[in-house]
Amino acid sequence: MGNNHVTLSIENNVAIVTLNRPEAGNALDLQMAKELMEAAIFCSESEKVRAVVITGAGNKFSVGGDLKSFAAHGEEINAHLKKVTSYLHQAISFFARMNKPFIGAVNGVAAGAGMSLACACDLVYATDKAKFVMAYNRIGLTPDGSGSFFLPRLVGMRRALELMYTNRVLTAEEAYEWGIVNQVVADDKLMEVVIGLAETLAKGPMNAFGETKKLFLHSLQETLESQMGKESMLLAERASSQEGKEGIAAFLEKREAKFF
């Protein structure tokens, strides 16, 4: 993919997507946004991929938007940013809506769009050296990369606004306490833990995971009754699906289910 601002490798049905500009703190420029979208489309479509891990090269996850590359466009900065965010947002949409679990391995600072990207993951594991900061308001900007959607839903409105207004930096431990991170892992164990989890999930009922994720996302705009209506329909469909039949049979026969 291009000059590889994003790299992708697959092993044991797990795709590892790496933001790959370590010399720039994995700052997001137009090329990275475009390659991220290509990686998201590939992961969502490939039958070889049953779980996706996203991480950063070097000692940072991502410092956010590459302001230097944006500013270089002078008066054209508006048009340029529309291109960058179009690719970034399409990437996040594909990642968030694919059936496959999407796991963030936050290996260092996640700032601005880097933090938004972490918030968009289904699950997030962070090294104890990771730090999280929204960073937008400090430079007179507003969030992108789904940050304004996921952050208030993860931490609540008060805390989300506090993070925006004050530019408060959360340690990995605080991000864990606030519900942004599932688990804090020692630096040298991060990828081992995340890949272990991803490989386990890759053996799981991928379509059931996907439908569960969709239910959770949709619940944000449904009433109690309309959401329960969705639950009834999906549960019935799942029970007669291949995964459902295998899962129920395995339970009754007291054996491990083989989903894949």
C-alpha atoms as a PDB file:
ATOM      1  CA  MET A   1       0.000   0.000   0.000  1.00  0.00           C
ATOM      2  CA  GLY A   2       1.658   3.241  -1.191  1.00  0.00           C
ATOM      3  CA  ASN A   3       4.784   4.142   0.822  1.00  0.00           C
ATOM      4  CA  ASN A   4       3.292   2.191   3.672  1.00  0.00           C
ATOM      5  CA  HIS A   5       2.160   4.865   6.084  1.00  0.00           C
ATOM      6  CA  VAL A   6      -0.061   1.981   7.201  1.00  0.00           C
ATOM      7  CA  THR A   7       1.117  -1.642   7.165  1.00  0.00           C
ATOM      8  CA  LEU A   8      -0.997  -4.759   7.359  1.00  0.00           C
ATOM      9  CA  SER A   9      -0.038  -8.334   8.214  1.00  0.00           C
ATOM     10  CA  ILE A  10      -2.193 -11.405   8.777  1.00  0.00           C
ATOM     11  CA  GLU A  11      -1.450 -14.410  10.944  1.00  0.00           C
ATOM     12  CA  ASN A  12      -3.852 -16.982  12.404  1.00  0.00           C
ATOM     13  CA  ASN A  13      -6.805 -15.033  10.950  1.00  0.00           C
ATOM     14  CA  VAL A  14      -5.779 -11.883  12.857  1.00  0.00           C
ATOM     15  CA  ALA A  15      -4.957  -8.747  10.855  1.00  0.00           C
ATOM     16  CA  ILE A  16      -2.516  -6.340  12.479  1.00  0.00           C
ATOM     17  CA  VAL A  17      -2.887  -2.806  11.138  1.00  0.00           C
ATOM     18  CA  THR A  18       0.067  -0.607  12.097  1.00  0.00           C
ATOM     19  CA  LEU A  19       0.165   3.190  11.819  1.00  0.00           C
ATOM     20  CA  ASN A  20       3.650   3.454  10.358  1.00  0.00           C
ATOM     21  CA  ARG A  21       5.195   6.929  10.549  1.00  0.00           C
ATOM     22  CA  PRO A  22       7.238   6.460  13.729  1.00  0.00           C
ATOM     23  CA  GLU A  23       9.535   9.366  12.809  1.00  0.00           C
ATOM     24  CA  ALA A  24       6.452  11.654  12.973  1.00  0.00           C
ATOM     25  CA  GLY A  25       4.779  10.037  15.991  1.00  0.00           C
ATOM     26  CA  ASN A  26       2.431   8.273  13.540  1.00  0.00           C
ATOM     27  CA  ALA A  27       0.830  11.623  12.754  1.00  0.00           C
ATOM     28  CA  LEU A  28      -2.098  11.331  10.396  1.00  0.00           C
ATOM     29  CA  ASP A  29      -1.649  12.946   6.975  1.00  0.00           C
ATOM     30  CA  LEU A  30      -3.649  12.520   3.768  1.00  0.00           C
ATOM     31  CA  GLN A  31      -1.687   9.443   2.683  1.00  0.00           C
ATOM     32  CA  MET A  32      -2.082   7.703   6.045  1.00  0.00           C
ATOM     33  CA  ALA A  33      -5.827   8.419   6.081  1.00  0.00           C
ATOM     34  CA  LYS A  34      -6.178   6.992   2.575  1.00  0.00           C
ATOM     35  CA  GLU A  35      -4.135   3.872   3.387  1.00  0.00           C
ATOM     36  CA  LEU A  36      -6.108   3.385   6.614  1.00  0.00           C
ATOM     37  CA  MET A  37      -9.314   3.375   4.575  1.00  0.00           C
ATOM     38  CA  GLU A  38      -7.826   0.813   2.173  1.00  0.00           C
ATOM     39  CA  ALA A  39      -6.804  -1.363   5.141  1.00  0.00           C
ATOM     40  CA  ALA A  40     -10.307  -1.061   6.637  1.00  0.00           C
ATOM     41  CA  ILE A  41     -11.941  -2.126   3.370  1.00  0.00           C
ATOM     42  CA  PHE A  42      -9.537  -5.051   3.037  1.00  0.00           C
ATOM     43  CA  CYS A  43     -10.115  -6.206   6.642  1.00  0.00           C
ATOM     44  CA  SER A  44     -13.883  -5.912   6.374  1.00  0.00           C
ATOM     45  CA  GLU A  45     -13.964  -7.948   3.135  1.00  0.00           C
ATOM     46  CA  SER A  46     -11.191 -10.547   3.516  1.00  0.00           C
ATOM     47  CA  GLU A  47     -12.281 -14.035   4.488  1.00  0.00           C
ATOM     48  CA  LYS A  48      -8.789 -14.634   5.925  1.00  0.00           C
ATOM     49  CA  VAL A  49      -9.421 -11.962   8.575  1.00  0.00           C
ATOM     50  CA  ARG A  50     -11.603 -12.770  11.598  1.00  0.00           C
ATOM     51  CA  ALA A  51     -10.264 -10.161  14.079  1.00  0.00           C
ATOM     52  CA  VAL A  52      -8.372  -6.891  13.630  1.00  0.00           C
ATOM     53  CA  VAL A  53      -5.752  -5.266  15.856  1.00  0.00           C
ATOM     54  CA  ILE A  54      -4.649  -1.656  15.350  1.00  0.00           C
ATOM     55  CA  THR A  55      -1.433  -0.288  16.854  1.00  0.00           C
ATOM     56  CA  GLY A  56       1.345   2.233  16.234  1.00  0.00           C
ATOM     57  CA  ALA A  57       4.964   1.727  15.118  1.00  0.00           C
ATOM     58  CA  GLY A  58       7.629   2.856  17.568  1.00  0.00           C
ATOM     59  CA  ASN A  59       6.771   4.246  21.001  1.00  0.00           C
ATOM     60  CA  LYS A  60       3.587   6.205  20.164  1.00  0.00           C
ATOM     61  CA  PHE A  61       0.115   5.135  19.031  1.00  0.00           C
ATOM     62  CA  SER A  62      -0.591   8.390  17.162  1.00  0.00           C
ATOM     63  CA  VAL A  63      -0.066  12.054  18.011  1.00  0.00           C
ATOM     64  CA  GLY A  64      -3.110  12.927  15.865  1.00  0.00           C
ATOM     65  CA  GLY A  65      -3.376  15.063  12.750  1.00  0.00           C
ATOM     66  CA  ASP A  66      -0.171  16.104  11.008  1.00  0.00           C
ATOM     67  CA  LEU A  67      -0.655  19.869  11.471  1.00  0.00           C
ATOM     68  CA  LYS A  68       2.511  20.664   9.525  1.00  0.00           C
ATOM     69  CA  SER A  69       1.176  18.892   6.422  1.00  0.00           C
ATOM     70  CA  PHE A  70      -2.235  20.584   6.869  1.00  0.00           C
ATOM     71  CA  ALA A  71      -0.766  24.075   7.276  1.00  0.00           C
ATOM     72  CA  ALA A  72       1.374  23.579   4.155  1.00  0.00           C
ATOM     73  CA  HIS A  73      -1.844  23.855   2.121  1.00  0.00           C
ATOM     74  CA  GLY A  74      -2.244  27.513   3.139  1.00  0.00           C
ATOM     75  CA  GLU A  75      -5.571  28.905   1.925  1.00  0.00           C
ATOM     76  CA  GLU A  76      -6.548  25.428   0.675  1.00  0.00           C
ATOM     77  CA  ILE A  77      -6.504  23.974   4.191  1.00  0.00           C
ATOM     78  CA  ASN A  78     -10.333  23.652   4.291  1.00  0.00           C
ATOM     79  CA  ALA A  79     -10.483  21.544   1.141  1.00  0.00           C
ATOM     80  CA  HIS A  80      -7.468  19.514   2.263  1.00  0.00           C
ATOM     81  CA  LEU A  81      -8.981  18.694   5.664  1.00  0.00           C
ATOM     82  CA  LYS A  82     -12.222  17.597   4.011  1.00  0.00           C
ATOM     83  CA  LYS A  83     -10.199  15.056   2.011  1.00  0.00           C
ATOM     84  CA  VAL A  84      -8.270  13.820   5.057  1.00  0.00           C
ATOM     85  CA  THR A  85     -11.372  13.437   7.230  1.00  0.00           C
ATOM     86  CA  SER A  86     -13.333  11.798   4.395  1.00  0.00           C
ATOM     87  CA  TYR A  87     -10.778   8.981   4.230  1.00  0.00           C
ATOM     88  CA  LEU A  88     -10.359   8.773   8.019  1.00  0.00           C
ATOM     89  CA  HIS A  89     -14.098   8.712   8.665  1.00  0.00           C
ATOM     90  CA  GLN A  90     -14.743   6.106   6.001  1.00  0.00           C
ATOM     91  CA  ALA A  91     -11.993   3.954   7.544  1.00  0.00           C
ATOM     92  CA  ILE A  92     -13.508   4.227  11.026  1.00  0.00           C
ATOM     93  CA  SER A  93     -16.965   3.475   9.681  1.00  0.00           C
ATOM     94  CA  PHE A  94     -15.758   0.254   7.997  1.00  0.00           C
ATOM     95  CA  PHE A  95     -13.769  -0.818  11.067  1.00  0.00           C
ATOM     96  CA  ALA A  96     -16.611  -0.074  13.495  1.00  0.00           C
ATOM     97  CA  ARG A  97     -19.268  -1.813  11.390  1.00  0.00           C
ATOM     98  CA  MET A  98     -17.421  -4.923  10.223  1.00  0.00           C
ATOM     99  CA  ASN A  99     -18.411  -8.230  11.855  1.00  0.00           C
ATOM    100  CA  LYS A 100     -14.879  -8.738  13.105  1.00  0.00           C
ATOM    101  CA  PRO A 101     -13.762  -7.600  16.577  1.00  0.00           C
ATOM    102  CA  PHE A 102     -11.662  -4.404  16.315  1.00  0.00           C
ATOM    103  CA  ILE A 103      -9.041  -4.173  19.072  1.00  0.00           C
ATOM    104  CA  GLY A 104      -6.808  -1.211  19.857  1.00  0.00           C
ATOM    105  CA  ALA A 105      -3.290  -1.904  21.163  1.00  0.00           C
ATOM    106  CA  VAL A 106      -2.322   1.565  22.389  1.00  0.00           C
ATOM    107  CA  ASN A 107       1.458   1.421  22.688  1.00  0.00           C
ATOM    108  CA  GLY A 108       2.085   5.051  23.689  1.00  0.00           C
ATOM    109  CA  VAL A 109       0.580   8.530  23.340  1.00  0.00           C
ATOM    110  CA  ALA A 110      -2.874   8.676  21.718  1.00  0.00           C
ATOM    111  CA  ALA A 111      -3.644  12.344  21.037  1.00  0.00           C
ATOM    112  CA  GLY A 112      -6.321  14.071  18.970  1.00  0.00           C
ATOM    113  CA  ALA A 113      -7.365  11.784  16.096  1.00  0.00           C
ATOM    114  CA  GLY A 114      -5.199   9.097  17.731  1.00  0.00           C
ATOM    115  CA  MET A 115      -7.414   9.196  20.821  1.00  0.00           C
ATOM    116  CA  SER A 116     -10.567   9.319  18.668  1.00  0.00           C
ATOM    117  CA  LEU A 117      -9.359   6.224  16.820  1.00  0.00           C
ATOM    118  CA  ALA A 118      -8.774   4.412  20.126  1.00  0.00           C
ATOM    119  CA  CYS A 119     -12.288   5.360  21.274  1.00  0.00           C
ATOM    120  CA  ALA A 120     -13.732   3.849  18.064  1.00  0.00           C
ATOM    121  CA  CYS A 121     -12.245   0.397  18.789  1.00  0.00           C
ATOM    122  CA  ASP A 122     -14.468  -2.338  20.260  1.00  0.00           C
ATOM    123  CA  LEU A 123     -11.856  -3.133  22.911  1.00  0.00           C
ATOM    124  CA  VAL A 124      -8.732  -1.213  23.928  1.00  0.00           C
ATOM    125  CA  TYR A 125      -5.608  -2.474  25.677  1.00  0.00           C
ATOM    126  CA  ALA A 126      -2.934   0.042  26.599  1.00  0.00           C
ATOM    127  CA  THR A 127       0.638  -0.111  27.786  1.00  0.00           C
ATOM    128  CA  ASP A 128       1.275   1.497  31.187  1.00  0.00           C
ATOM    129  CA  LYS A 129       3.242   4.173  29.278  1.00  0.00           C
ATOM    130  CA  ALA A 130       0.221   5.226  27.195  1.00  0.00           C
ATOM    131  CA  LYS A 131      -1.335   8.664  27.600  1.00  0.00           C
ATOM    132  CA  PHE A 132      -4.642   9.913  26.226  1.00  0.00           C
ATOM    133  CA  VAL A 133      -5.422  13.532  25.343  1.00  0.00           C
ATOM    134  CA  MET A 134      -8.044  15.032  23.038  1.00  0.00           C
ATOM    135  CA  ALA A 135      -5.822  18.039  22.214  1.00  0.00           C
ATOM    136  CA  TYR A 136      -8.236  19.697  19.739  1.00  0.00           C
ATOM    137  CA  ASN A 137      -9.627  22.701  21.666  1.00  0.00           C
ATOM    138  CA  ARG A 138      -6.122  23.693  22.784  1.00  0.00           C
ATOM    139  CA  ILE A 139      -5.281  24.616  19.173  1.00  0.00           C
ATOM    140  CA  GLY A 140      -8.724  26.048  18.445  1.00  0.00           C
ATOM    141  CA  LEU A 141     -10.039  22.947  16.679  1.00  0.00           C
ATOM    142  CA  THR A 142     -12.925  20.545  17.247  1.00  0.00           C
ATOM    143  CA  PRO A 143     -12.780  16.732  17.323  1.00  0.00           C
ATOM    144  CA  ASP A 144     -12.882  14.415  14.315  1.00  0.00           C
ATOM    145  CA  GLY A 145     -12.401  10.689  13.783  1.00  0.00           C
ATOM    146  CA  SER A 146     -15.634   9.830  15.672  1.00  0.00           C
ATOM    147  CA  GLY A 147     -14.346  11.318  18.949  1.00  0.00           C
ATOM    148  CA  SER A 148     -17.500  13.372  19.517  1.00  0.00           C
ATOM    149  CA  PHE A 149     -19.610  10.207  19.065  1.00  0.00           C
ATOM    150  CA  PHE A 150     -17.740   7.635  21.139  1.00  0.00           C
ATOM    151  CA  LEU A 151     -16.075   9.724  23.880  1.00  0.00           C
ATOM    152  CA  PRO A 152     -19.258  11.031  25.596  1.00  0.00           C
ATOM    153  CA  ARG A 153     -20.733   7.529  25.344  1.00  0.00           C
ATOM    154  CA  LEU A 154     -17.673   6.011  27.004  1.00  0.00           C
ATOM    155  CA  VAL A 155     -17.118   8.543  29.798  1.00  0.00           C
ATOM    156  CA  GLY A 156     -20.325  10.613  29.982  1.00  0.00           C
ATOM    157  CA  MET A 157     -20.957  14.176  28.865  1.00  0.00           C
ATOM    158  CA  ARG A 158     -19.360  15.976  31.839  1.00  0.00           C
ATOM    159  CA  ARG A 159     -16.060  14.139  31.614  1.00  0.00           C
ATOM    160  CA  ALA A 160     -15.977  14.334  27.806  1.00  0.00           C
ATOM    161  CA  LEU A 161     -16.361  18.122  27.929  1.00  0.00           C
ATOM    162  CA  GLU A 162     -13.742  18.372  30.671  1.00  0.00           C
ATOM    163  CA  LEU A 163     -11.271  16.439  28.483  1.00  0.00           C
ATOM    164  CA  MET A 164     -12.047  18.776  25.576  1.00  0.00           C
ATOM    165  CA  TYR A 165     -12.029  22.116  27.423  1.00  0.00           C
ATOM    166  CA  THR A 166      -9.071  21.576  29.763  1.00  0.00           C
ATOM    167  CA  ASN A 167      -6.962  19.358  27.493  1.00  0.00           C
ATOM    168  CA  ARG A 168      -6.491  17.079  30.500  1.00  0.00           C
ATOM    169  CA  VAL A 169      -4.042  14.248  29.832  1.00  0.00           C
ATOM    170  CA  LEU A 170      -5.162  10.862  31.129  1.00  0.00           C
ATOM    171  CA  THR A 171      -2.621   8.249  32.163  1.00  0.00           C
ATOM    172  CA  ALA A 172      -3.332   4.678  31.056  1.00  0.00           C
ATOM    173  CA  GLU A 173      -4.538   3.936  34.602  1.00  0.00           C
ATOM    174  CA  GLU A 174      -6.978   6.891  34.565  1.00  0.00           C
ATOM    175  CA  ALA A 175      -8.196   5.917  31.091  1.00  0.00           C
ATOM    176  CA  TYR A 176      -8.878   2.460  32.525  1.00  0.00           C
ATOM    177  CA  GLU A 177     -10.782   3.931  35.489  1.00  0.00           C
ATOM    178  CA  TRP A 178     -12.833   6.121  33.123  1.00  0.00           C
ATOM    179  CA  GLY A 179     -13.786   3.182  30.895  1.00  0.00           C
ATOM    180  CA  ILE A 180     -11.752   4.190  27.822  1.00  0.00           C
ATOM    181  CA  VAL A 181      -9.369   1.240  28.246  1.00  0.00           C
ATOM    182  CA  ASN A 182     -10.249  -2.397  29.035  1.00  0.00           C
ATOM    183  CA  GLN A 183      -6.910  -3.300  30.560  1.00  0.00           C
ATOM    184  CA  VAL A 184      -3.489  -1.782  31.211  1.00  0.00           C
ATOM    185  CA  VAL A 185      -0.639  -4.132  30.266  1.00  0.00           C
ATOM    186  CA  ALA A 186       3.128  -3.987  30.861  1.00  0.00           C
ATOM    187  CA  ASP A 187       4.889  -2.404  27.889  1.00  0.00           C
ATOM    188  CA  ASP A 188       6.708  -5.553  26.748  1.00  0.00           C
ATOM    189  CA  LYS A 189       3.571  -7.713  27.045  1.00  0.00           C
ATOM    190  CA  LEU A 190       1.074  -5.543  25.136  1.00  0.00           C
ATOM    191  CA  MET A 191       1.152  -7.202  21.710  1.00  0.00           C
ATOM    192  CA  GLU A 192       1.388 -10.685  23.207  1.00  0.00           C
ATOM    193  CA  VAL A 193      -1.757 -10.096  25.290  1.00  0.00           C
ATOM    194  CA  VAL A 194      -3.704  -8.418  22.475  1.00  0.00           C
ATOM    195  CA  ILE A 195      -2.761 -10.962  19.802  1.00  0.00           C
ATOM    196  CA  GLY A 196      -3.602 -13.802  22.209  1.00  0.00           C
ATOM    197  CA  LEU A 197      -7.043 -12.292  22.751  1.00  0.00           C
ATOM    198  CA  ALA A 198      -7.528 -11.579  19.022  1.00  0.00           C
ATOM    199  CA  GLU A 199      -6.617 -15.175  18.111  1.00  0.00           C
ATOM    200  CA  THR A 200      -9.131 -16.480  20.645  1.00  0.00           C
ATOM    201  CA  LEU A 201     -11.850 -14.165  19.283  1.00  0.00           C
ATOM    202  CA  ALA A 202     -10.933 -15.165  15.708  1.00  0.00           C
ATOM    203  CA  LYS A 203     -12.019 -18.712  16.613  1.00  0.00           C
ATOM    204  CA  GLY A 204     -15.317 -17.387  17.945  1.00  0.00           C
ATOM    205  CA  PRO A 205     -18.727 -16.762  16.353  1.00  0.00           C
ATOM    206  CA  MET A 206     -17.704 -13.801  14.173  1.00  0.00           C
ATOM    207  CA  ASN A 207     -21.222 -13.075  12.888  1.00  0.00           C
ATOM    208  CA  ALA A 208     -22.681 -13.140  16.397  1.00  0.00           C
ATOM    209  CA  PHE A 209     -19.957 -10.679  17.471  1.00  0.00           C
ATOM    210  CA  GLY A 210     -20.838  -8.451  14.506  1.00  0.00           C
ATOM    211  CA  GLU A 211     -24.575  -8.497  15.177  1.00  0.00           C
ATOM    212  CA  THR A 212     -23.948  -7.808  18.886  1.00  0.00           C
ATOM    213  CA  LYS A 213     -21.854  -4.779  17.996  1.00  0.00           C
ATOM    214  CA  LYS A 214     -24.599  -3.512  15.653  1.00  0.00           C
ATOM    215  CA  LEU A 215     -27.225  -3.962  18.378  1.00  0.00           C
ATOM    216  CA  PHE A 216     -25.109  -1.926  20.797  1.00  0.00           C
ATOM    217  CA  LEU A 217     -24.483   0.834  18.250  1.00  0.00           C
ATOM    218  CA  HIS A 218     -28.165   1.029  17.271  1.00  0.00           C
ATOM    219  CA  SER A 219     -29.323   1.048  20.893  1.00  0.00           C
ATOM    220  CA  LEU A 220     -28.052   4.620  21.142  1.00  0.00           C
ATOM    221  CA  GLN A 221     -30.972   5.884  19.058  1.00  0.00           C
ATOM    222  CA  GLU A 222     -33.726   3.397  19.944  1.00  0.00           C
ATOM    223  CA  THR A 223     -36.434   3.346  22.602  1.00  0.00           C
ATOM    224  CA  LEU A 224     -36.515   0.446  25.075  1.00  0.00           C
ATOM    225  CA  GLU A 225     -39.340  -1.286  23.166  1.00  0.00           C
ATOM    226  CA  SER A 226     -37.897  -0.827  19.665  1.00  0.00           C
ATOM    227  CA  GLN A 227     -34.524  -2.104  20.903  1.00  0.00           C
ATOM    228  CA  MET A 228     -36.140  -5.170  22.509  1.00  0.00           C
ATOM    229  CA  GLY A 229     -37.977  -5.773  19.216  1.00  0.00           C
ATOM    230  CA  LYS A 230     -34.592  -5.843  17.469  1.00  0.00           C
ATOM    231  CA  GLU A 231     -33.245  -8.186  20.143  1.00  0.00           C
ATOM    232  CA  SER A 232     -36.131 -10.658  19.619  1.00  0.00           C
ATOM    233  CA  MET A 233     -35.703 -10.759  15.864  1.00  0.00           C
ATOM    234  CA  LEU A 234     -31.923 -11.106  15.907  1.00  0.00           C
ATOM    235  CA  LEU A 235     -31.899 -13.764  18.617  1.00  0.00           C
ATOM    236  CA  ALA A 236     -34.362 -15.885  16.638  1.00  0.00           C
ATOM    237  CA  GLU A 237     -32.256 -15.472  13.470  1.00  0.00           C
ATOM    238  CA  ARG A 238     -29.047 -16.336  15.326  1.00  0.00           C
ATOM    239  CA  ALA A 239     -30.552 -19.516  16.808  1.00  0.00           C
ATOM    240  CA  SER A 240     -31.147 -20.952  13.336  1.00  0.00           C
ATOM    241  CA  SER A 241     -27.818 -19.737  11.888  1.00  0.00           C
ATOM    242  CA  GLN A 242     -24.852 -22.094  11.468  1.00  0.00           C
ATOM    243  CA  GLU A 243     -23.060 -20.486  14.412  1.00  0.00           C
ATOM    244  CA  GLY A 244     -26.138 -20.662  16.613  1.00  0.00           C
ATOM    245  CA  LYS A 245     -26.848 -24.309  15.809  1.00  0.00           C
ATOM    246  CA  GLU A 246     -23.240 -25.276  16.500  1.00  0.00           C
ATOM    247  CA  GLY A 247     -23.122 -23.239  19.736  1.00  0.00           C
ATOM    248  CA  ILE A 248     -26.342 -24.760  21.098  1.00  0.00           C
ATOM    249  CA  ALA A 249     -25.346 -28.316  20.070  1.00  0.00           C
ATOM    250  CA  ALA A 250     -21.916 -27.904  21.703  1.00  0.00           C
ATOM    251  CA  PHE A 251     -23.539 -26.630  24.914  1.00  0.00           C
ATOM    252  CA  LEU A 252     -25.964 -29.573  25.058  1.00  0.00           C
ATOM    253  CA  GLU A 253     -23.206 -32.051  24.225  1.00  0.00           C
ATOM    254  CA  LYS A 254     -20.912 -30.431  26.830  1.00  0.00           C
ATOM    255  CA  ARG A 255     -18.109 -29.802  24.317  1.00  0.00           C
ATOM    256  CA  GLU A 256     -16.242 -26.776  22.926  1.00  0.00           C
ATOM    257  CA  ALA A 257     -18.052 -25.142  20.004  1.00  0.00           C
ATOM    258  CA  LYS A 258     -16.208 -25.112  16.669  1.00  0.00           C
ATOM    259  CA  PHE A 259     -17.265 -21.900  14.957  1.00  0.00           C
ATOM    260  CA  PHE A 260     -14.473 -21.905  12.438  1.00  0.00           C
END
